[in-house]
N, C-alpha and C. Protein backbone atom coordinates (compact mmCIF):
# COMPACT_ATOMS: atom_id res chain seq x y z
N MET A 1 -0.45 -23.37 58.73
CA MET A 1 -0.59 -25.12 57.97
C MET A 1 -1.08 -24.76 57.27
N LYS A 2 -0.06 -25.80 56.19
CA LYS A 2 -0.18 -25.40 54.57
C LYS A 2 -1.64 -26.03 54.10
N ARG A 3 -2.68 -25.28 53.50
CA ARG A 3 -3.62 -26.30 52.21
C ARG A 3 -2.93 -27.39 51.82
N PRO A 4 -3.90 -28.50 51.40
CA PRO A 4 -3.19 -29.94 50.47
C PRO A 4 -3.90 -29.19 48.94
N CYS A 5 -3.20 -29.50 48.04
CA CYS A 5 -3.84 -28.81 46.77
C CYS A 5 -4.18 -30.63 46.15
N ASN A 6 -5.36 -30.47 45.80
CA ASN A 6 -5.68 -31.26 44.49
C ASN A 6 -5.44 -30.92 43.18
N ARG A 7 -4.59 -31.32 42.32
CA ARG A 7 -3.86 -31.27 41.19
C ARG A 7 -4.32 -32.07 40.33
N THR A 8 -5.37 -31.51 39.71
CA THR A 8 -7.02 -32.37 38.46
C THR A 8 -6.51 -31.90 37.83
N GLY A 9 -6.80 -30.49 37.53
CA GLY A 9 -7.83 -29.69 36.27
C GLY A 9 -5.90 -28.63 35.78
N SER A 10 -6.19 -28.88 34.10
CA SER A 10 -5.67 -27.76 33.63
C SER A 10 -6.13 -26.51 33.43
N TRP A 11 -5.31 -25.51 33.02
CA TRP A 11 -5.44 -24.26 33.24
C TRP A 11 -6.66 -23.75 31.23
N ASN A 12 -5.82 -24.80 30.85
CA ASN A 12 -7.07 -24.60 29.45
C ASN A 12 -8.44 -25.40 29.71
N ASP A 13 -8.02 -26.38 30.53
CA ASP A 13 -9.81 -27.00 30.64
C ASP A 13 -10.83 -25.74 31.89
N PHE A 14 -9.42 -25.75 32.83
CA PHE A 14 -10.04 -24.40 33.52
C PHE A 14 -11.33 -22.84 32.62
N GLU A 15 -10.11 -22.64 31.86
CA GLU A 15 -10.90 -21.47 31.13
C GLU A 15 -12.68 -22.14 30.25
N ARG A 16 -11.63 -22.77 29.86
CA ARG A 16 -12.90 -23.55 28.48
C ARG A 16 -13.77 -23.55 29.74
N ARG A 17 -14.31 -24.23 30.74
CA ARG A 17 -15.63 -23.83 31.56
C ARG A 17 -16.00 -23.17 32.35
N PHE A 18 -14.83 -22.56 33.20
CA PHE A 18 -15.61 -21.30 33.52
C PHE A 18 -15.25 -20.32 33.12
N LYS A 19 -14.80 -19.59 32.21
CA LYS A 19 -14.76 -18.50 31.35
C LYS A 19 -14.94 -17.17 32.87
N PRO A 20 -13.05 -17.37 32.64
CA PRO A 20 -12.45 -16.48 33.65
C PRO A 20 -12.62 -14.69 32.75
N VAL A 21 -13.13 -13.51 33.99
CA VAL A 21 -13.44 -12.47 33.32
C VAL A 21 -12.08 -11.31 33.42
N ILE A 22 -11.79 -11.17 32.25
CA ILE A 22 -10.93 -10.00 32.44
C ILE A 22 -11.39 -8.75 32.55
N ARG A 23 -10.42 -8.44 33.40
CA ARG A 23 -10.50 -6.28 33.98
C ARG A 23 -10.22 -5.71 32.83
N GLU A 24 -10.31 -4.14 32.96
CA GLU A 24 -10.67 -3.00 32.29
C GLU A 24 -8.63 -3.70 31.86
N ASP A 25 -7.90 -3.83 32.93
CA ASP A 25 -6.40 -3.33 32.62
C ASP A 25 -5.89 -4.69 32.12
N HIS A 26 -6.49 -5.42 31.42
CA HIS A 26 -6.00 -6.25 30.78
C HIS A 26 -5.81 -8.01 31.66
N SER A 27 -5.87 -7.68 32.78
CA SER A 27 -5.32 -9.11 33.39
C SER A 27 -6.02 -10.20 34.32
N LEU A 28 -5.88 -10.61 34.94
CA LEU A 28 -7.39 -11.42 35.63
C LEU A 28 -6.88 -11.26 37.01
N ILE A 29 -6.19 -11.29 37.38
CA ILE A 29 -6.16 -11.55 39.22
C ILE A 29 -6.59 -9.99 39.31
N TRP A 30 -7.42 -10.01 40.78
CA TRP A 30 -7.64 -9.27 41.82
C TRP A 30 -7.44 -9.16 43.34
N HIS A 31 -7.05 -8.41 43.44
CA HIS A 31 -6.74 -8.44 45.12
C HIS A 31 -8.18 -7.81 45.97
N ASN A 32 -8.08 -8.53 47.03
CA ASN A 32 -9.17 -8.63 47.99
C ASN A 32 -9.56 -6.74 48.11
N GLU A 33 -9.12 -5.65 48.70
CA GLU A 33 -9.44 -4.82 48.22
C GLU A 33 -10.24 -3.99 46.89
N GLU A 34 -9.75 -4.84 46.41
CA GLU A 34 -10.66 -4.48 44.82
C GLU A 34 -11.70 -4.78 44.50
N ILE A 35 -11.59 -6.14 44.45
CA ILE A 35 -13.15 -6.78 44.54
C ILE A 35 -14.28 -6.01 45.17
N PRO A 36 -15.49 -5.60 43.81
CA PRO A 36 -16.80 -5.27 44.02
C PRO A 36 -18.07 -5.49 44.77
N ARG A 37 -18.18 -5.02 45.72
CA ARG A 37 -19.74 -5.60 46.99
C ARG A 37 -20.65 -5.11 46.32
N PRO A 38 -21.41 -6.18 46.58
CA PRO A 38 -21.76 -7.19 46.86
C PRO A 38 -21.27 -7.73 46.20
N ILE A 39 -20.73 -9.24 46.51
CA ILE A 39 -20.43 -10.64 45.77
C ILE A 39 -20.89 -11.93 45.29
N SER A 40 -21.07 -12.70 44.54
CA SER A 40 -21.59 -13.49 44.45
C SER A 40 -20.34 -14.77 44.38
N ASP A 41 -20.39 -15.45 45.85
CA ASP A 41 -18.86 -15.63 46.11
C ASP A 41 -18.83 -17.60 44.81
N ARG A 42 -20.00 -17.75 44.26
CA ARG A 42 -18.87 -18.60 43.73
C ARG A 42 -18.85 -18.50 42.63
N HIS A 43 -18.41 -17.28 42.05
CA HIS A 43 -17.90 -17.19 40.97
C HIS A 43 -16.55 -16.42 41.18
N TRP A 44 -15.87 -16.43 42.47
CA TRP A 44 -14.70 -15.89 42.45
C TRP A 44 -13.98 -17.70 43.10
N TRP A 45 -12.47 -17.68 42.58
CA TRP A 45 -11.87 -18.57 42.70
C TRP A 45 -10.29 -17.53 43.20
N THR A 46 -9.79 -18.53 44.65
CA THR A 46 -8.24 -17.95 45.02
C THR A 46 -7.08 -18.71 44.17
N ILE A 47 -6.00 -17.93 43.95
CA ILE A 47 -4.77 -18.23 44.04
C ILE A 47 -4.56 -18.75 44.59
N LEU A 48 -3.69 -19.95 44.57
CA LEU A 48 -2.89 -20.48 45.49
C LEU A 48 -0.96 -20.67 45.24
N ASP A 49 0.10 -20.45 45.78
CA ASP A 49 0.75 -20.78 46.01
C ASP A 49 1.11 -22.03 46.53
N CYS A 50 1.38 -23.41 46.09
CA CYS A 50 1.52 -24.26 46.81
C CYS A 50 2.98 -25.23 45.98
N ASP A 51 3.67 -25.29 47.34
CA ASP A 51 5.12 -25.95 46.69
C ASP A 51 5.30 -25.18 45.96
N GLY A 52 5.47 -23.84 45.41
CA GLY A 52 6.25 -22.85 44.00
C GLY A 52 5.41 -23.04 43.01
N ARG A 53 4.46 -23.92 42.80
CA ARG A 53 3.30 -24.05 41.69
C ARG A 53 2.38 -22.79 42.10
N LEU A 54 1.77 -22.71 41.82
CA LEU A 54 0.06 -21.91 41.35
C LEU A 54 -0.46 -22.33 40.97
N TYR A 55 -2.24 -22.53 41.59
CA TYR A 55 -3.32 -23.60 41.27
C TYR A 55 -4.72 -22.55 41.66
N VAL A 56 -5.28 -22.70 41.24
CA VAL A 56 -6.69 -21.60 41.25
C VAL A 56 -7.85 -22.94 42.62
N SER A 57 -8.44 -22.67 43.08
CA SER A 57 -9.43 -22.75 44.12
C SER A 57 -10.55 -21.95 44.45
N SER A 58 -11.77 -22.70 44.43
CA SER A 58 -13.17 -22.39 44.64
C SER A 58 -12.89 -21.66 45.88
N GLY A 59 -14.04 -20.56 45.53
CA GLY A 59 -13.59 -19.87 46.52
C GLY A 59 -13.07 -18.61 47.38
N PHE A 60 -13.21 -17.70 48.63
CA PHE A 60 -12.46 -17.31 49.01
C PHE A 60 -11.30 -18.00 49.93
N ARG A 61 -9.72 -18.12 49.84
CA ARG A 61 -9.44 -18.65 51.40
C ARG A 61 -8.19 -17.75 51.13
N TYR A 62 -7.47 -17.96 52.47
CA TYR A 62 -6.53 -16.99 52.65
C TYR A 62 -5.03 -17.41 52.93
N VAL A 63 -4.82 -18.26 53.18
CA VAL A 63 -3.50 -19.76 53.27
C VAL A 63 -3.51 -19.45 52.43
N ASN A 64 -1.48 -19.20 51.70
CA ASN A 64 -1.20 -19.50 50.82
C ASN A 64 -1.76 -18.87 49.48
N ARG A 65 -2.43 -17.64 50.02
CA ARG A 65 -3.25 -16.23 48.66
C ARG A 65 -1.68 -15.89 47.76
N ILE A 66 -2.28 -15.80 46.60
CA ILE A 66 -2.28 -14.83 45.62
C ILE A 66 -2.83 -13.45 45.69
N GLY A 67 -3.89 -13.81 45.03
CA GLY A 67 -4.91 -12.89 44.42
C GLY A 67 -6.53 -14.06 43.78
N TYR A 68 -7.31 -13.71 43.36
CA TYR A 68 -8.20 -13.90 43.23
C TYR A 68 -8.57 -13.50 41.32
N ILE A 69 -9.63 -14.60 41.05
CA ILE A 69 -9.77 -14.39 39.52
C ILE A 69 -11.64 -14.95 39.88
N GLN A 70 -12.37 -14.08 38.70
CA GLN A 70 -13.45 -13.81 38.26
C GLN A 70 -14.12 -14.85 37.51
N THR A 71 -15.09 -15.41 37.78
CA THR A 71 -16.22 -15.84 36.27
C THR A 71 -16.92 -16.12 36.05
N GLU A 72 -17.84 -16.35 34.62
CA GLU A 72 -18.64 -15.98 34.34
C GLU A 72 -19.27 -17.48 34.28
N VAL A 73 -19.21 -18.35 35.09
CA VAL A 73 -19.62 -19.65 35.18
C VAL A 73 -19.05 -19.95 36.85
N ALA A 74 -20.11 -19.86 37.27
CA ALA A 74 -20.11 -20.37 39.23
C ALA A 74 -20.10 -21.91 38.92
N TRP A 75 -18.84 -21.85 40.24
CA TRP A 75 -18.48 -23.60 40.35
C TRP A 75 -19.56 -23.96 41.59
N THR A 76 -19.67 -25.04 41.48
CA THR A 76 -20.22 -26.13 41.80
C THR A 76 -20.21 -26.94 43.51
N LYS A 77 -20.89 -27.65 43.81
CA LYS A 77 -20.67 -28.29 45.11
C LYS A 77 -19.25 -29.60 45.10
N ALA A 78 -19.78 -30.14 43.58
CA ALA A 78 -18.38 -31.33 43.06
C ALA A 78 -17.00 -30.04 42.95
N ASP A 79 -17.02 -28.71 42.91
CA ASP A 79 -16.09 -27.90 42.49
C ASP A 79 -15.32 -27.49 43.38
N GLU A 80 -15.58 -27.48 44.73
CA GLU A 80 -14.95 -27.55 45.98
C GLU A 80 -13.89 -28.13 46.22
N LEU A 81 -13.51 -29.50 46.06
CA LEU A 81 -12.30 -29.95 46.50
C LEU A 81 -11.55 -29.89 45.23
N ARG A 82 -11.57 -29.30 43.91
CA ARG A 82 -10.74 -29.56 43.04
C ARG A 82 -10.41 -28.43 42.86
N ASP A 83 -8.75 -28.25 42.47
CA ASP A 83 -7.68 -27.62 42.53
C ASP A 83 -7.53 -27.17 40.76
N TRP A 84 -6.87 -26.39 40.16
CA TRP A 84 -6.64 -26.41 38.35
C TRP A 84 -4.99 -25.55 38.53
N ARG A 85 -4.43 -25.94 37.82
CA ARG A 85 -3.46 -25.65 37.65
C ARG A 85 -3.23 -24.03 37.02
N TYR A 86 -2.68 -23.38 37.61
CA TYR A 86 -2.44 -21.62 36.69
C TYR A 86 -0.82 -21.85 36.23
N ASP A 87 -0.73 -22.07 34.93
CA ASP A 87 0.30 -21.91 34.23
C ASP A 87 -0.17 -20.90 33.14
């Protein structure tokens, strides 16, 4: 069953607010086996494929997952139900 996407925020707003961490290879996307342990889960977002469009959702998701993004700013309880366009 696909997770419904709440298409609320733009990528520019996401970058400004949460400050994604750029990896040593100059990309943003992490794969599960690459994520350093231990982790602070409120600094991680999942990139999801929702009907052919990409979105970023707070925390670790598994259905429709493409990869993960780490951010400098942690998400809050209010951010749990919001998705951000990954354009």
